[in-house]
Protein backbone atom coordinates (compact mmCIF):
# COMPACT_ATOMS: atom_id res chain seq x y z
CA UNK A 1 0.15 0.02 0.00
CA UNK A 2 1.29 4.03 -1.15
CA UNK A 3 0.31 6.14 1.37
CA UNK A 4 -0.36 9.19 0.22
CA UNK A 5 2.07 12.68 1.23
CA UNK A 6 2.01 16.30 1.65
CA UNK A 7 4.22 18.70 2.73
CA UNK A 8 2.18 20.44 5.24
CA UNK A 9 3.06 24.32 6.66
CA UNK A 10 5.48 25.09 9.55
CA UNK A 11 3.59 23.59 12.29
CA UNK A 12 1.78 20.88 11.09
CA UNK A 13 1.97 17.49 10.50
CA UNK A 14 1.23 14.95 7.95
CA UNK A 15 -1.36 11.92 8.56
CA UNK A 16 -1.55 8.65 6.32
CA UNK A 17 -4.84 10.40 4.17
CA UNK A 18 -2.24 13.54 3.42
CA UNK A 19 -3.81 15.61 6.08
CA UNK A 20 -1.69 18.52 7.48
CA UNK A 21 -2.89 18.82 11.54
CA UNK A 22 -1.70 20.76 14.19
CA UNK A 23 -0.78 17.97 16.82
CA UNK A 24 -0.29 20.34 19.74
CA UNK A 25 -4.14 21.92 19.36
CA UNK A 26 -6.12 18.84 17.51
CA UNK A 27 -8.82 17.00 19.50
CA UNK A 28 -8.34 14.33 17.43
CA UNK A 29 -4.37 14.33 16.93
CA UNK A 30 -3.42 15.74 20.26
CA UNK A 31 -0.17 14.92 20.45
CA UNK A 32 0.17 12.68 17.84
CA UNK A 33 -1.35 11.87 14.54
CA UNK A 34 -4.09 9.69 14.84
CA UNK A 35 -4.99 10.42 18.78
CA UNK A 36 -8.16 11.31 19.90
CA UNK A 37 -8.65 13.09 23.26
CA UNK A 38 -12.03 11.64 24.83
CA UNK A 39 -15.25 13.02 25.39
CA UNK A 40 -14.53 14.11 29.00
CA UNK A 41 -12.27 17.02 27.51
CA UNK A 42 -12.74 20.08 25.30
CA UNK A 43 -9.41 20.74 24.34
CA UNK A 44 -6.20 19.61 23.20
CA UNK A 45 -3.75 21.99 24.44
CA UNK A 46 0.47 22.02 23.43
CA UNK A 47 -0.66 18.23 22.84
CA UNK A 48 -2.27 17.31 26.15
CA UNK A 49 -5.72 16.76 26.65
CA UNK A 50 -7.77 18.72 28.64
CA UNK A 51 -11.40 20.41 29.95
CA UNK A 52 -9.89 24.18 29.57
CA UNK A 53 -6.42 25.98 28.38
CA UNK A 54 -4.03 27.51 30.97
CA UNK A 55 -4.36 31.00 31.14
CA UNK A 56 -1.09 32.59 30.42
CA UNK A 57 -1.33 36.63 31.33
CA UNK A 58 -0.33 37.10 34.92
CA UNK A 59 -3.08 38.71 37.49
CA UNK A 60 -5.51 38.24 35.25
CA UNK A 61 -9.41 39.78 34.83
CA UNK A 62 -12.63 38.59 32.90
CA UNK A 63 -14.35 41.22 31.07
CA UNK A 64 -16.85 41.51 34.32
CA UNK A 65 -19.87 41.68 31.63
CA UNK A 66 -19.35 38.98 29.95
CA UNK A 67 -18.66 36.64 33.21
CA UNK A 68 -21.37 34.06 33.50
CA UNK A 69 -23.21 34.40 30.19
CA UNK A 70 -23.00 33.00 26.67
CA UNK A 71 -21.49 36.24 24.35
CA UNK A 72 -21.76 36.51 20.69
CA UNK A 73 -21.19 39.16 18.78
CA UNK A 74 -20.68 41.88 21.71
CA UNK A 75 -18.22 44.64 22.56
CA UNK A 76 -16.84 45.89 25.88
CA UNK A 77 -14.64 49.04 26.91
CA UNK A 78 -11.69 48.45 29.18
CA UNK A 79 -10.24 51.15 30.89
CA UNK A 80 -6.44 50.30 31.58
CA UNK A 81 -3.62 51.55 33.89
CA UNK A 82 -1.32 52.20 31.19
CA UNK A 83 -1.27 53.84 27.67
CA UNK A 84 -1.34 51.08 24.45
CA UNK A 85 -0.12 52.90 21.54
CA UNK A 86 -0.44 51.93 17.83
CA UNK A 87 0.15 53.90 14.59
CA UNK A 88 1.35 57.00 17.11
CA UNK A 89 -2.41 57.06 18.73
CA UNK A 90 -1.84 56.16 22.72
CA UNK A 91 -5.19 55.87 25.12
CA UNK A 92 -5.72 54.02 28.07
CA UNK A 93 -9.04 53.30 27.06
CA UNK A 94 -10.10 50.37 24.57
CA UNK A 95 -12.57 48.32 23.28
CA UNK A 96 -12.64 44.41 22.96
CA UNK A 97 -14.76 42.70 20.60
CA UNK A 98 -16.19 39.11 21.55
CA UNK A 99 -15.10 38.56 17.17
CA UNK A 100 -11.10 38.81 17.98
CA UNK A 101 -10.90 42.18 17.64
CA UNK A 102 -8.96 45.17 20.02
CA UNK A 103 -9.85 48.16 18.93
CA UNK A 104 -8.41 52.30 20.04
CA UNK A 105 -11.29 54.22 18.31
CA UNK A 106 -14.74 53.18 17.04
CA UNK A 107 -15.22 49.32 17.30
CA UNK A 108 -17.41 46.63 15.11
CA UNK A 109 -19.42 43.75 16.91
CA UNK A 110 -19.77 42.24 13.13
CA UNK A 111 -18.70 38.56 13.14
CA UNK A 112 -18.12 38.52 9.14
CA UNK A 113 -14.74 39.58 8.47
CA UNK A 114 -13.24 41.69 5.73
CA UNK A 115 -10.45 42.40 4.08
CA UNK A 116 -8.18 45.92 5.19
CA UNK A 117 -9.20 48.39 5.27
CA UNK A 118 -12.71 47.87 6.48
CA UNK A 119 -14.83 51.11 7.13
CA UNK A 120 -16.35 48.98 9.68
CA UNK A 121 -14.09 50.13 12.56
CA UNK A 122 -12.91 53.86 12.89
CA UNK A 123 -9.51 54.14 14.82
CA UNK A 124 -6.01 51.90 15.33
CA UNK A 125 -7.44 48.63 15.18
CA UNK A 126 -5.60 45.07 16.07
CA UNK A 127 -7.47 41.86 13.88
CA UNK A 128 -5.59 39.27 16.09
CA UNK A 129 -8.46 36.44 14.78
CA UNK A 130 -11.29 38.31 13.30
CA UNK A 131 -14.30 35.34 12.89
CA UNK A 132 -17.41 34.90 14.10
CA UNK A 133 -16.53 33.80 17.55
CA UNK A 134 -18.78 33.13 20.62
CA UNK A 135 -18.27 32.56 24.54
CA UNK A 136 -20.13 29.71 26.24
CA UNK A 137 -21.26 30.26 29.60
CA UNK A 138 -19.91 27.43 31.68
CA UNK A 139 -16.98 26.17 29.58
CA UNK A 140 -14.46 28.24 31.08
CA UNK A 141 -14.52 30.46 28.50
CA UNK A 142 -13.86 34.08 28.35
CA UNK A 143 -11.47 37.10 27.30
CA UNK A 144 -9.06 38.75 29.87
CA UNK A 145 -6.98 41.83 30.48
CA UNK A 146 -3.93 42.29 32.22
CA UNK A 147 -0.65 44.57 32.92
CA UNK A 148 2.11 43.25 34.71
CA UNK A 149 5.56 44.37 35.43
CA UNK A 150 7.37 48.26 36.51
CA UNK A 151 7.01 51.40 34.16
CA UNK A 152 8.58 51.59 31.85
CA UNK A 153 8.21 48.17 31.37
CA UNK A 154 5.11 47.45 31.55
CA UNK A 155 3.34 44.37 29.17
CA UNK A 156 -0.45 44.98 29.10
CA UNK A 157 -1.94 41.74 27.31
CA UNK A 158 -5.94 40.51 26.17
CA UNK A 159 -6.32 36.43 26.24
CA UNK A 160 -8.76 35.56 24.25
CA UNK A 161 -10.28 31.53 24.95
CA UNK A 162 -13.63 31.14 22.87
CA UNK A 163 -15.59 29.19 20.29
CA UNK A 164 -16.44 29.19 17.14
CA UNK A 165 -20.04 30.77 16.76
CA UNK A 166 -21.13 28.30 13.97
CA UNK A 167 -19.02 25.18 15.02
CA UNK A 168 -19.54 25.34 19.14
CA UNK A 169 -16.31 22.21 19.57
CA UNK A 170 -13.53 24.09 17.75
CA UNK A 171 -11.96 26.75 19.82
CA UNK A 172 -9.74 29.19 20.18
CA UNK A 173 -6.69 30.53 22.73
CA UNK A 174 -4.96 33.75 21.32
CA UNK A 175 -3.37 37.17 22.99
CA UNK A 176 -2.95 40.58 22.16
CA UNK A 177 0.14 42.16 23.93
CA UNK A 178 1.51 45.00 24.18
CA UNK A 179 5.16 46.54 25.83
CA UNK A 180 5.12 49.71 27.54
CA UNK A 181 8.80 50.71 25.81
CA UNK A 182 8.03 49.30 22.58
CA UNK A 183 5.33 51.72 21.50
CA UNK A 184 2.94 51.53 18.08
CA UNK A 185 3.67 47.54 18.40
CA UNK A 186 1.46 44.43 18.72
CA UNK A 187 2.38 41.03 19.27
CA UNK A 188 -0.17 38.06 18.42
CA UNK A 189 0.46 34.68 19.95
CA UNK A 190 -1.55 32.34 19.51
CA UNK A 191 -2.26 28.92 20.81
CA UNK A 192 -5.21 26.66 20.23
CA UNK A 193 -6.42 27.93 16.73
CA UNK A 194 -8.92 24.80 15.71
CA UNK A 195 -8.82 26.12 11.51
CA UNK A 196 -5.74 27.86 11.68
CA UNK A 197 -7.36 30.81 9.91
CA UNK A 198 -9.62 29.33 7.17
CA UNK A 199 -12.06 32.04 8.14
CA UNK A 200 -10.43 34.90 9.61
CA UNK A 201 -8.56 38.26 9.06
CA UNK A 202 -5.37 38.82 10.74
CA UNK A 203 -3.72 41.95 10.75
CA UNK A 204 -3.87 45.35 11.51
CA UNK A 205 -5.14 49.01 10.21
CA UNK A 206 -4.42 52.78 11.59
CA UNK A 207 -8.04 54.08 10.37
CA UNK A 208 -11.12 53.28 7.97
CA UNK A 209 -9.56 53.68 5.21
CA UNK A 210 -5.92 52.47 6.08
CA UNK A 211 -3.05 52.34 5.75
CA UNK A 212 -3.44 48.80 6.91
CA UNK A 213 -1.48 45.57 6.78
CA UNK A 214 -2.54 41.79 6.40
CA UNK A 215 -1.08 38.61 7.30
CA UNK A 216 -4.09 36.65 6.19
CA UNK A 217 -7.56 36.53 4.93
CA UNK A 218 -9.58 33.64 5.05
CA UNK A 219 -5.67 31.37 4.63
CA UNK A 220 -5.60 27.82 5.80
CA UNK A 221 -2.76 27.27 7.96
CA UNK A 222 -2.42 30.78 8.28
CA UNK A 223 -1.27 30.16 12.34
CA UNK A 224 -0.62 27.55 14.49
CA UNK A 225 0.45 26.46 18.11
CA UNK A 226 2.62 29.21 19.30
CA UNK A 227 2.91 30.93 16.25
CA UNK A 228 3.64 34.89 17.23
CA UNK A 229 2.99 37.82 15.01
CA UNK A 230 4.71 41.44 15.44
CA UNK A 231 3.69 44.10 13.88
CA UNK A 232 5.63 47.54 14.17
CA UNK A 233 2.68 50.44 12.95
CA UNK A 234 5.48 53.21 12.94
CA UNK A 235 7.63 51.13 10.03
CA UNK A 236 5.04 49.71 8.80
CA UNK A 237 5.90 45.95 8.74
CA UNK A 238 5.51 42.88 10.78
CA UNK A 239 7.29 39.84 11.09
CA UNK A 240 6.11 36.19 11.92
CA UNK A 241 8.47 34.26 15.20
CA UNK A 242 7.83 30.43 15.07
C-alpha cells in the first residue's frame, strides 16, 4: 500500500490520508497523529488533552460584563492603568470585540470578516483573529486582560479563550500583547486555533481608510500552535516568529 504524501506548513503534521493537522491543538490528533482525546476533554493544549487551557496572563481579569453568560457578537470597553499605542495614537481606554478585535477607537461587533482596511472600525485596530467567535457560559471560556511589570517596562495583554459560533467544538486561544517600552508594536500569540485561520482576518489598520497591514484573510494553515506575529505600526512591517 502506498500512502499519500503532502508537504505541510510550519506547525502542522501530515496524516496517512495526506491531511495536515496541528498535533499541538487538534482534539482528534492530540500529541500525535491519530490520538483522539476522550469525551471528557474539551481541547488539546500543547499536545495534551484538557478541559480548559492554562491562562497565560499574570493577574488576569475577566471582562466583567461577559462573566457567567453566553456571548455572541458583543463589544465592551476596558480602562487600563497604562496607555497602549498603535500608529502613534495612545490611549488607556480600549474596546474589545468578542469576534477577535481590539480597537483603540470606534469598534464593531460585526462577525463577518473582511479584507483590510475595513470601514467598520474608526481608529487603530488590532485584528488578532477576526472571525465569528462566541463565549459559552459554563465552559471556562472568556476574554481576560492584565497589565504586569514595572514602568517603563509594563506589558498589557488580552487573552481570548473562545469557540466558533457556528461550530462550538472548534476552540480558539490567543493573546494580544503591548509593550510599554515598545510603542506602536503589537504582538499576537496563537495557541489553540482549531482551523488555522480558514475564515479569519489577521492584521492591523490605522483608520477606516487605512493604512493597514494584512497577514492573512481566509487562509488555511495561516497560524498554528505557538505562532507569534509582531506588527510594527510605525515602520509598517510585520514578522512571524515561530
